[in-house]
Amino acid sequence: MTGSKFTSNYLSKIKYLFRWTWMVIPVSIAIGTVVAFFLWLLTAAIHFRFHHPWLLYLLPAAGVGIHFAYRLYGKSSERGNNLIIDEIHEPGAGIPKRMGPLILGTTVITHLFGGSAGREGTAVQIGGSIAHMFGTWFKLDDYAIRTLLTAGVAAGFGAVFGTPLTGTIFAMEVLTIGQIKYDALWPCLIAGITGALTVSVWGVKHTAYHIGFTMPGHMDARNILFIGLLFIKIIIASALFGLVSAAFAEIVHQLKNFFLKWVTITWMIPVCGGITIIALTLLLGRPDYLSLGVDAEHPGAVTIVSAFNNGGAMFLSWLWKLIYTTITLGTGFKGGEVTPLFYIGSTLGNTLAVVFNAPISLFAALGFIAVFAGATNTPLACTLMGIELFGSQFALFFLVACFTAYFFSGHSGIYTAQFNTNDESPELSRSNPSFKNKSNYIRQKVSKYKF
């Protein structure tokens, strides 16, 4: 390479970095600000319901309100995260400006009246709608719009959980199963960091989690045997995490199809869901499985935080949360899936730790990230989340857990648009009959290597 070409190449790279930095920072500040407001409003709504438990009985009416809000004003916004993923794959119809405020308001309503949902879907849709709005103002071409949308997802995710590196990789990994396109790495990194910092500047605090288990200080024969057995337990538990994440995704999809098929009056679908949630709560006699499941409504409540402690979860807490959340989301209430997946994973990890005689806080942390990895098909991002939330000491355990759960979750996923890609790779094409599911894709990749 000649000196002039060398210089020109690096000048173009520097120009690329500066261009995307100044473009992404204001977008991410806007996203982080709206997410901070959303988190503040969400916390206020949840604690208001804690002090007014009778609000749960209005959940069916709230569902009807959400239904008509989307029917009258939502248009394509109803598709949520899948719309953003599709728009990144192939820019076309665009993302409505109303998506952000609509999902923010309806998510807060869902939680105010006790629906079991999350918050990441809201943050991602806020990020996507704001990024698309800025892209229109900047008059960007299709490629740049795709990149800015991906950065918007990173900013939203990094902001809502305070995990900028996870947001960076999640935004690129969630788009297509088995592929990460690193051409958006720099914009996503700047967006994830800026979004998370903006939320911190606004004074919004994120929940802290702690693993109480410590690794042996020296490796004698006894400790080597202990670590070896621990790895086996982690692999078995992670396979179960993957199966549960697959069940979660499949049940949500099947419930939506079931109600659309059998309930002809569509506004009655959230009514059915709300009545079911109320009945389950009365049957169980405890409100632990409503809403996010992060803050405790009463002393001794099962939460994500309590799952890290001995006796902090009941044997079937994970199953009840799965049932509550799939009913909530499957009948049209709004919010995300990820925080309930954290709850399901951490409480299942607590249960399995008792069964396997393993460290409870460690298995709660592994379930926290592994069930999420299996449901979203993002094992690398979830490994980074483990490191950001719990520290790097257990990075190898996080890696094993996330990729094992990812493999055992099969072809399922909560984002159906991950499977609808126009990528030129024949292995990822839906027209390729050999691409039947994610497991087949992994086997195709592995078969290329000769051992």
Protein backbone atom coordinates (compact mmCIF):
# COMPACT_ATOMS: atom_id res chain seq x y z
CA MET A 1 0.00 0.00 0.00
CA THR A 2 1.42 3.36 -1.03
CA GLY A 3 1.79 6.18 1.46
CA SER A 4 -1.04 8.21 -0.06
CA LYS A 5 -3.45 5.25 0.00
CA PHE A 6 -2.43 4.46 3.57
CA THR A 7 -3.08 8.04 4.64
CA SER A 8 -6.37 8.23 2.73
CA ASN A 9 -7.57 4.98 4.31
CA TYR A 10 -6.95 6.16 7.86
CA LEU A 11 -8.34 9.61 7.21
CA SER A 12 -11.58 8.03 6.00
CA LYS A 13 -11.74 5.88 9.17
CA ILE A 14 -11.18 8.91 11.38
CA LYS A 15 -13.86 10.78 9.44
CA TYR A 16 -16.22 7.80 9.98
CA LEU A 17 -15.57 7.80 13.75
CA PHE A 18 -16.10 11.54 14.13
CA ARG A 19 -19.22 11.53 11.93
CA TRP A 20 -20.96 8.81 13.90
CA THR A 21 -19.82 10.14 17.26
CA TRP A 22 -21.36 13.58 16.81
CA MET A 23 -24.46 12.02 15.22
CA VAL A 24 -25.07 9.35 17.86
CA ILE A 25 -24.40 11.35 21.04
CA PRO A 26 -27.39 13.73 20.79
CA VAL A 27 -29.64 10.83 19.76
CA SER A 28 -28.48 8.76 22.74
CA ILE A 29 -28.86 11.66 25.17
CA ALA A 30 -32.46 12.05 24.01
CA ILE A 31 -33.06 8.30 24.36
CA GLY A 32 -31.41 8.16 27.80
CA THR A 33 -33.48 11.11 28.99
CA VAL A 34 -36.77 9.55 27.90
CA VAL A 35 -35.74 6.17 29.37
CA ALA A 36 -34.84 7.86 32.67
CA PHE A 37 -38.30 9.47 32.75
CA PHE A 38 -39.86 6.11 31.91
CA LEU A 39 -37.98 4.32 34.72
CA TRP A 40 -38.97 7.01 37.22
CA LEU A 41 -42.60 6.85 36.13
CA LEU A 42 -42.60 3.05 36.16
CA THR A 43 -41.22 2.88 39.70
CA ALA A 44 -43.79 5.42 40.86
CA ALA A 45 -46.62 3.41 39.26
CA ILE A 46 -45.47 0.12 40.80
CA HIS A 47 -45.15 1.58 44.30
CA PHE A 48 -48.50 3.34 43.94
CA ARG A 49 -50.10 -0.06 43.29
CA PHE A 50 -48.27 -1.47 46.32
CA HIS A 51 -50.19 1.04 48.45
CA HIS A 52 -53.44 0.58 46.52
CA PRO A 53 -53.73 -3.18 45.84
CA TRP A 54 -57.36 -2.80 44.71
CA LEU A 55 -55.99 -1.46 41.40
CA LEU A 56 -55.41 -5.07 40.35
CA TYR A 57 -59.18 -5.51 39.94
CA LEU A 58 -59.13 -2.85 37.21
CA LEU A 59 -56.57 -4.77 35.15
CA PRO A 60 -59.15 -6.04 32.62
CA ALA A 61 -60.37 -2.47 32.03
CA ALA A 62 -56.78 -1.29 31.64
CA GLY A 63 -56.26 -4.00 29.03
CA VAL A 64 -59.27 -2.79 27.06
CA GLY A 65 -57.85 0.73 27.14
CA ILE A 66 -54.48 -0.50 25.84
CA HIS A 67 -56.21 -2.50 23.11
CA PHE A 68 -58.12 0.49 21.77
CA ALA A 69 -55.12 2.81 22.11
CA TYR A 70 -53.18 0.61 19.68
CA ARG A 71 -56.16 -0.07 17.47
CA LEU A 72 -56.98 3.62 17.05
CA TYR A 73 -53.51 5.18 17.17
CA GLY A 74 -50.91 2.44 17.08
CA LYS A 75 -50.95 1.30 13.45
CA SER A 76 -47.73 -0.69 12.86
CA SER A 77 -46.49 0.15 16.39
CA GLU A 78 -48.32 -2.98 17.58
CA ARG A 79 -45.42 -5.10 16.23
CA GLY A 80 -43.04 -3.54 18.76
CA ASN A 81 -39.46 -4.76 18.77
CA ASN A 82 -40.07 -6.93 15.71
CA LEU A 83 -40.92 -3.83 13.68
CA ILE A 84 -37.58 -2.25 14.63
CA ILE A 85 -35.65 -5.42 13.76
CA ASP A 86 -37.42 -5.68 10.40
CA GLU A 87 -36.73 -2.02 9.68
CA ILE A 88 -33.02 -2.58 10.39
CA HIS A 89 -33.01 -5.60 8.09
CA GLU A 90 -34.72 -3.70 5.28
CA PRO A 91 -35.70 -0.03 5.70
CA GLY A 92 -39.11 0.58 4.22
CA ALA A 93 -42.28 1.76 5.90
CA GLY A 94 -40.42 3.43 8.74
CA ILE A 95 -41.12 3.57 12.45
CA PRO A 96 -44.02 5.77 13.62
CA LYS A 97 -43.09 8.66 15.91
CA ARG A 98 -46.01 7.66 18.11
CA MET A 99 -44.36 4.31 18.94
CA GLY A 100 -42.24 5.77 21.76
CA PRO A 101 -44.92 7.63 23.75
CA LEU A 102 -47.49 4.91 23.08
CA ILE A 103 -45.37 2.05 24.42
CA LEU A 104 -44.20 4.18 27.35
CA GLY A 105 -47.74 5.02 28.43
CA THR A 106 -49.20 1.56 27.94
CA THR A 107 -46.31 -0.14 29.75
CA VAL A 108 -46.81 2.11 32.78
CA ILE A 109 -50.55 1.30 32.66
CA THR A 110 -49.81 -2.43 32.54
CA HIS A 111 -47.65 -2.20 35.66
CA LEU A 112 -49.92 0.27 37.48
CA PHE A 113 -52.71 -2.32 37.41
CA GLY A 114 -50.50 -5.34 38.15
CA GLY A 115 -49.70 -6.90 34.78
CA SER A 116 -46.60 -9.08 34.75
CA ALA A 117 -44.31 -7.59 32.11
CA GLY A 118 -40.87 -6.08 31.70
CA ARG A 119 -39.34 -2.83 30.58
CA GLU A 120 -36.63 -3.55 28.01
CA GLY A 121 -39.14 -3.76 25.15
CA THR A 122 -40.29 -0.26 26.02
CA ALA A 123 -36.73 1.08 26.16
CA VAL A 124 -35.80 -0.56 22.84
CA GLN A 125 -38.91 0.84 21.13
CA ILE A 126 -38.21 4.28 22.60
CA GLY A 127 -34.67 4.02 21.26
CA GLY A 128 -35.80 2.87 17.82
CA SER A 129 -38.49 5.52 17.40
CA ILE A 130 -36.23 8.38 18.52
CA ALA A 131 -33.34 7.14 16.37
CA HIS A 132 -35.60 6.89 13.32
CA MET A 133 -36.93 10.39 13.97
CA PHE A 134 -33.39 11.80 14.11
CA GLY A 135 -32.45 9.83 11.00
CA THR A 136 -35.31 11.50 9.13
CA TRP A 137 -34.17 14.92 10.34
CA PHE A 138 -30.58 14.14 9.27
CA LYS A 139 -31.87 12.93 5.86
CA LEU A 140 -29.80 9.75 6.05
CA ASP A 141 -29.70 7.06 3.40
CA ASP A 142 -30.99 3.52 4.05
CA TYR A 143 -27.62 2.18 5.25
CA ALA A 144 -27.15 5.02 7.71
CA ILE A 145 -30.74 4.66 8.93
CA ARG A 146 -30.10 0.99 9.67
CA THR A 147 -26.94 1.86 11.59
CA LEU A 148 -28.63 4.62 13.57
CA LEU A 149 -31.56 2.34 14.43
CA THR A 150 -29.15 -0.30 15.68
CA ALA A 151 -27.43 2.36 17.80
CA GLY A 152 -30.83 3.42 19.12
CA VAL A 153 -31.47 -0.14 20.31
CA ALA A 154 -28.06 -0.13 22.03
CA ALA A 155 -28.80 3.19 23.73
CA GLY A 156 -32.22 2.05 24.94
CA PHE A 157 -31.00 -1.28 26.26
CA GLY A 158 -27.86 0.15 27.85
CA ALA A 159 -29.90 2.90 29.49
CA VAL A 160 -32.67 0.75 30.95
CA PHE A 161 -30.32 -1.74 32.66
CA GLY A 162 -27.18 0.37 33.12
CA THR A 163 -25.16 -2.09 31.02
CA PRO A 164 -23.58 -0.19 28.10
CA LEU A 165 -21.38 -3.03 26.80
CA THR A 166 -24.29 -5.45 26.89
CA GLY A 167 -26.43 -2.93 25.04
CA THR A 168 -23.71 -2.57 22.39
CA ILE A 169 -23.47 -6.28 21.62
CA PHE A 170 -27.18 -6.99 22.15
CA ALA A 171 -28.13 -4.47 19.46
CA MET A 172 -25.95 -6.24 16.90
CA GLU A 173 -26.51 -9.83 18.04
CA VAL A 174 -30.29 -9.71 18.36
CA LEU A 175 -30.89 -8.86 14.69
CA THR A 176 -30.13 -12.20 13.06
CA ILE A 177 -29.48 -15.59 14.67
CA GLY A 178 -25.88 -16.70 14.22
CA GLN A 179 -24.56 -13.43 12.80
CA ILE A 180 -23.07 -10.26 14.20
CA LYS A 181 -22.33 -7.43 11.81
CA TYR A 182 -19.59 -5.34 13.34
CA ASP A 183 -19.96 -2.39 10.96
CA ALA A 184 -22.24 -0.80 13.56
CA LEU A 185 -19.90 -1.48 16.51
CA TRP A 186 -18.63 2.06 17.02
CA PRO A 187 -22.04 3.79 16.82
CA CYS A 188 -23.53 1.14 19.13
CA LEU A 189 -20.69 1.51 21.64
CA ILE A 190 -21.03 5.29 21.77
CA ALA A 191 -24.82 4.95 22.01
CA GLY A 192 -24.74 2.34 24.79
CA ILE A 193 -22.30 4.34 26.90
CA THR A 194 -24.07 7.67 26.34
CA GLY A 195 -27.52 6.23 27.05
CA ALA A 196 -26.39 4.61 30.30
CA LEU A 197 -24.51 7.74 31.43
CA THR A 198 -27.52 9.93 30.69
CA VAL A 199 -29.76 7.83 32.94
CA SER A 200 -27.13 8.06 35.70
CA VAL A 201 -26.90 11.83 35.30
CA TRP A 202 -30.65 12.06 35.82
CA GLY A 203 -30.17 10.26 39.14
CA VAL A 204 -31.97 7.03 38.28
CA LYS A 205 -30.45 4.10 40.16
CA HIS A 206 -30.26 0.51 38.95
CA THR A 207 -30.72 -2.53 41.19
CA ALA A 208 -27.46 -4.02 42.44
CA TYR A 209 -26.99 -7.79 42.59
CA HIS A 210 -24.28 -9.72 44.40
CA ILE A 211 -22.87 -13.24 44.16
CA GLY A 212 -21.84 -14.34 47.64
CA PHE A 213 -19.94 -17.42 46.45
CA THR A 214 -16.14 -17.19 46.10
CA MET A 215 -13.86 -19.48 44.13
CA PRO A 216 -11.30 -21.63 46.02
CA GLY A 217 -8.02 -19.82 46.57
CA HIS A 218 -5.75 -22.67 45.48
CA MET A 219 -6.21 -25.69 43.23
CA ASP A 220 -5.50 -28.87 45.17
CA ALA A 221 -7.08 -32.21 44.26
CA ARG A 222 -10.15 -31.57 46.41
CA ASN A 223 -10.83 -28.15 44.91
CA ILE A 224 -10.25 -29.40 41.36
CA LEU A 225 -12.86 -32.11 41.95
CA PHE A 226 -15.23 -29.50 43.40
CA ILE A 227 -14.84 -27.21 40.36
CA GLY A 228 -15.26 -30.14 37.97
CA LEU A 229 -18.51 -31.22 39.63
CA LEU A 230 -19.65 -27.60 39.69
CA PHE A 231 -19.14 -27.33 35.93
CA ILE A 232 -21.23 -30.46 35.38
CA LYS A 233 -24.01 -29.03 37.55
CA ILE A 234 -23.83 -25.72 35.66
CA ILE A 235 -24.13 -27.45 32.28
CA ILE A 236 -27.14 -29.51 33.40
CA ALA A 237 -28.80 -26.44 34.96
CA SER A 238 -28.09 -24.36 31.85
CA ALA A 239 -29.71 -26.96 29.62
CA LEU A 240 -32.81 -26.62 31.79
CA PHE A 241 -32.55 -22.83 31.57
CA GLY A 242 -32.59 -23.15 27.78
CA LEU A 243 -35.62 -25.44 27.79
CA VAL A 244 -37.52 -23.05 30.05
CA SER A 245 -36.67 -20.07 27.82
CA ALA A 246 -37.92 -22.02 24.82
CA ALA A 247 -41.13 -22.86 26.67
CA PHE A 248 -41.62 -19.19 27.55
CA ALA A 249 -41.25 -18.01 23.95
CA GLU A 250 -43.44 -20.78 22.58
CA ILE A 251 -46.23 -20.27 25.12
CA VAL A 252 -46.37 -16.51 24.42
CA HIS A 253 -46.69 -17.13 20.67
CA GLN A 254 -49.24 -19.93 21.09
CA LEU A 255 -51.37 -17.93 23.53
CA LYS A 256 -51.55 -15.02 21.09
CA ASN A 257 -52.59 -17.37 18.29
CA PHE A 258 -55.09 -19.18 20.51
CA PHE A 259 -56.91 -16.03 21.60
CA LEU A 260 -56.93 -14.52 18.11
CA LYS A 261 -58.48 -17.74 16.80
CA TRP A 262 -61.10 -18.37 19.46
CA VAL A 263 -62.03 -14.94 20.82
CA THR A 264 -63.74 -13.13 17.97
CA ILE A 265 -64.34 -9.92 19.94
CA THR A 266 -60.73 -8.77 20.13
CA TRP A 267 -61.14 -6.34 23.04
CA MET A 268 -62.27 -9.29 25.16
CA ILE A 269 -58.80 -10.86 24.86
CA PRO A 270 -57.17 -8.54 27.46
CA VAL A 271 -60.29 -8.91 29.59
CA CYS A 272 -59.72 -12.68 29.67
CA GLY A 273 -56.06 -12.14 30.48
CA GLY A 274 -56.77 -9.66 33.26
CA ILE A 275 -59.43 -11.86 34.87
CA THR A 276 -57.04 -14.83 34.77
CA ILE A 277 -54.28 -12.84 36.49
CA ILE A 278 -56.71 -11.71 39.20
CA ALA A 279 -57.96 -15.27 39.74
CA LEU A 280 -54.44 -16.68 40.00
CA THR A 281 -53.46 -14.02 42.53
CA LEU A 282 -56.50 -14.77 44.69
CA LEU A 283 -55.82 -18.50 44.38
CA LEU A 284 -52.18 -18.19 45.44
CA GLY A 285 -52.90 -15.60 48.09
CA ARG A 286 -49.80 -13.54 47.30
CA PRO A 287 -49.02 -10.77 44.78
CA ASP A 288 -45.36 -11.71 44.26
CA TYR A 289 -45.73 -12.54 40.56
CA LEU A 290 -47.32 -9.26 39.50
CA SER A 291 -45.44 -6.47 37.72
CA LEU A 292 -41.61 -6.48 37.46
CA GLY A 293 -40.73 -8.56 40.50
CA VAL A 294 -37.74 -6.39 41.44
CA ASP A 295 -39.05 -4.48 44.48
CA ALA A 296 -40.73 -6.34 47.35
CA GLU A 297 -44.39 -5.49 47.90
CA HIS A 298 -44.38 -7.05 51.38
CA PRO A 299 -41.82 -8.57 53.77
CA GLY A 300 -40.80 -12.02 52.58
CA ALA A 301 -41.94 -11.46 48.99
CA VAL A 302 -40.17 -13.45 46.30
CA THR A 303 -38.24 -11.07 44.06
CA ILE A 304 -35.23 -11.20 41.77
CA VAL A 305 -33.10 -9.82 44.60
CA SER A 306 -34.39 -12.36 47.14
CA ALA A 307 -33.62 -15.22 44.73
CA PHE A 308 -29.90 -14.64 45.41
CA ASN A 309 -30.40 -15.67 49.03
CA ASN A 310 -31.06 -19.00 50.68
CA GLY A 311 -34.82 -19.42 51.04
CA GLY A 312 -35.46 -16.42 48.80
CA ALA A 313 -37.66 -18.32 46.34
CA MET A 314 -40.23 -21.07 46.50
CA PHE A 315 -39.81 -24.27 44.52
CA LEU A 316 -42.21 -23.22 41.74
CA SER A 317 -41.75 -19.44 41.81
CA TRP A 318 -40.19 -19.55 38.35
CA LEU A 319 -43.17 -21.44 36.93
CA TRP A 320 -45.72 -19.05 38.39
CA LYS A 321 -43.86 -16.05 36.99
CA LEU A 322 -43.71 -17.76 33.59
CA ILE A 323 -47.48 -18.33 33.68
CA TYR A 324 -48.25 -14.78 34.80
CA THR A 325 -46.00 -13.18 32.19
CA THR A 326 -47.07 -15.31 29.23
CA ILE A 327 -50.72 -14.61 30.03
CA THR A 328 -50.04 -10.87 30.38
CA LEU A 329 -48.09 -10.53 27.14
CA GLY A 330 -50.09 -13.14 25.25
CA THR A 331 -53.35 -11.25 25.83
CA GLY A 332 -52.17 -7.86 24.62
CA PHE A 333 -50.73 -6.03 27.61
CA LYS A 334 -47.54 -4.09 26.95
CA GLY A 335 -44.01 -4.07 28.30
CA GLY A 336 -40.97 -6.22 27.76
CA GLU A 337 -40.06 -9.80 28.44
CA VAL A 338 -36.53 -9.48 29.79
CA THR A 339 -37.08 -8.53 33.44
CA PRO A 340 -39.62 -11.35 33.89
CA LEU A 341 -37.04 -13.63 32.25
CA PHE A 342 -34.54 -12.44 34.87
CA TYR A 343 -37.09 -13.35 37.55
CA ILE A 344 -37.79 -16.76 36.02
CA GLY A 345 -34.09 -17.50 35.60
CA SER A 346 -32.95 -16.35 39.04
CA THR A 347 -35.72 -18.17 40.91
CA LEU A 348 -35.19 -21.31 38.82
CA GLY A 349 -31.48 -21.03 39.57
CA ASN A 350 -32.30 -20.78 43.25
CA THR A 351 -34.43 -23.94 43.03
CA LEU A 352 -31.82 -25.90 41.06
CA ALA A 353 -29.07 -24.83 43.45
CA VAL A 354 -31.01 -26.43 46.29
CA VAL A 355 -31.61 -29.59 44.24
CA PHE A 356 -27.95 -29.84 43.13
CA ASN A 357 -26.46 -28.67 46.44
CA ALA A 358 -24.75 -25.81 44.59
CA PRO A 359 -24.03 -22.16 45.48
CA ILE A 360 -27.41 -20.39 45.48
CA SER A 361 -26.31 -16.88 44.53
CA LEU A 362 -24.12 -18.20 41.70
CA PHE A 363 -26.92 -20.31 40.21
CA ALA A 364 -29.38 -17.44 40.59
CA ALA A 365 -26.99 -15.25 38.58
CA LEU A 366 -26.50 -17.95 35.95
CA GLY A 367 -30.25 -18.40 35.57
CA PHE A 368 -30.67 -14.62 35.44
CA ILE A 369 -28.57 -14.33 32.26
CA ALA A 370 -28.98 -17.80 30.73
CA VAL A 371 -32.78 -17.83 30.44
CA PHE A 372 -32.50 -14.40 28.84
CA ALA A 373 -29.84 -15.72 26.43
CA GLY A 374 -32.01 -18.63 25.34
CA ALA A 375 -35.14 -16.54 24.85
CA THR A 376 -33.46 -13.76 22.86
CA ASN A 377 -30.75 -15.81 21.09
CA THR A 378 -28.06 -13.44 22.35
CA PRO A 379 -25.54 -15.57 24.31
CA LEU A 380 -22.60 -13.23 23.81
CA ALA A 381 -24.48 -10.15 25.01
CA CYS A 382 -25.78 -12.08 28.01
CA THR A 383 -22.27 -13.24 28.91
CA LEU A 384 -21.20 -9.60 28.95
CA MET A 385 -24.25 -8.75 31.04
CA GLY A 386 -23.12 -11.26 33.63
CA ILE A 387 -19.70 -9.62 33.75
CA GLU A 388 -21.16 -6.09 33.97
CA LEU A 389 -23.69 -6.96 36.67
CA PHE A 390 -21.84 -9.56 38.75
CA GLY A 391 -18.13 -9.08 38.00
CA SER A 392 -15.56 -10.89 35.86
CA GLN A 393 -14.59 -13.58 38.39
CA PHE A 394 -17.20 -15.99 37.03
CA ALA A 395 -16.89 -15.04 33.34
CA LEU A 396 -16.19 -18.63 32.27
CA PHE A 397 -19.29 -19.88 34.11
CA PHE A 398 -21.35 -17.13 32.45
CA LEU A 399 -20.05 -18.12 29.03
CA VAL A 400 -20.82 -21.81 29.51
CA ALA A 401 -24.28 -21.11 30.92
CA CYS A 402 -25.35 -18.67 28.20
CA PHE A 403 -24.17 -20.71 25.22
CA THR A 404 -25.53 -23.96 26.67
CA ALA A 405 -28.93 -22.35 27.25
CA TYR A 406 -28.81 -20.82 23.76
CA PHE A 407 -28.20 -24.23 22.20
CA PHE A 408 -30.91 -26.02 24.20
CA SER A 409 -33.51 -23.34 23.52
CA GLY A 410 -33.73 -24.72 19.98
CA HIS A 411 -35.50 -22.68 17.27
CA SER A 412 -37.57 -20.61 19.70
CA GLY A 413 -37.21 -16.93 20.44
CA ILE A 414 -39.33 -14.06 21.69
CA TYR A 415 -38.40 -11.94 18.63
CA THR A 416 -39.82 -13.60 15.52
CA ALA A 417 -38.16 -11.05 13.22
CA GLN A 418 -34.79 -12.65 14.02
CA PHE A 419 -35.80 -15.46 11.69
CA ASN A 420 -36.92 -13.15 8.87
CA THR A 421 -33.73 -11.91 7.27
CA ASN A 422 -32.88 -11.03 3.72
CA ASP A 423 -29.23 -11.75 4.33
CA GLU A 424 -27.40 -13.21 1.35
CA SER A 425 -25.96 -16.10 3.33
CA PRO A 426 -27.66 -19.29 2.10
CA GLU A 427 -27.31 -20.86 5.52
CA LEU A 428 -29.55 -18.16 7.00
CA SER A 429 -32.05 -18.00 4.19
CA ARG A 430 -35.55 -19.16 4.97
CA SER A 431 -35.74 -20.48 1.41
CA ASN A 432 -33.03 -22.97 2.25
CA PRO A 433 -34.85 -26.17 3.31
CA SER A 434 -31.89 -27.27 5.39
CA PHE A 435 -32.33 -24.29 7.70
CA LYS A 436 -35.05 -25.75 9.88
CA ASN A 437 -34.06 -24.30 13.19
CA LYS A 438 -31.26 -22.83 15.19
CA SER A 439 -29.85 -26.20 16.19
CA ASN A 440 -29.49 -27.23 12.53
CA TYR A 441 -27.71 -23.96 11.84
CA ILE A 442 -25.21 -24.64 14.62
CA ARG A 443 -24.64 -28.17 13.34
CA GLN A 444 -24.04 -26.83 9.83
CA LYS A 445 -21.35 -24.53 11.19
CA VAL A 446 -19.71 -27.20 13.32
CA SER A 447 -19.69 -29.74 10.46
CA LYS A 448 -17.39 -27.50 8.44
CA TYR A 449 -14.52 -28.17 10.80
CA LYS A 450 -12.57 -31.44 10.66
CA PHE A 451 -11.28 -32.72 13.97
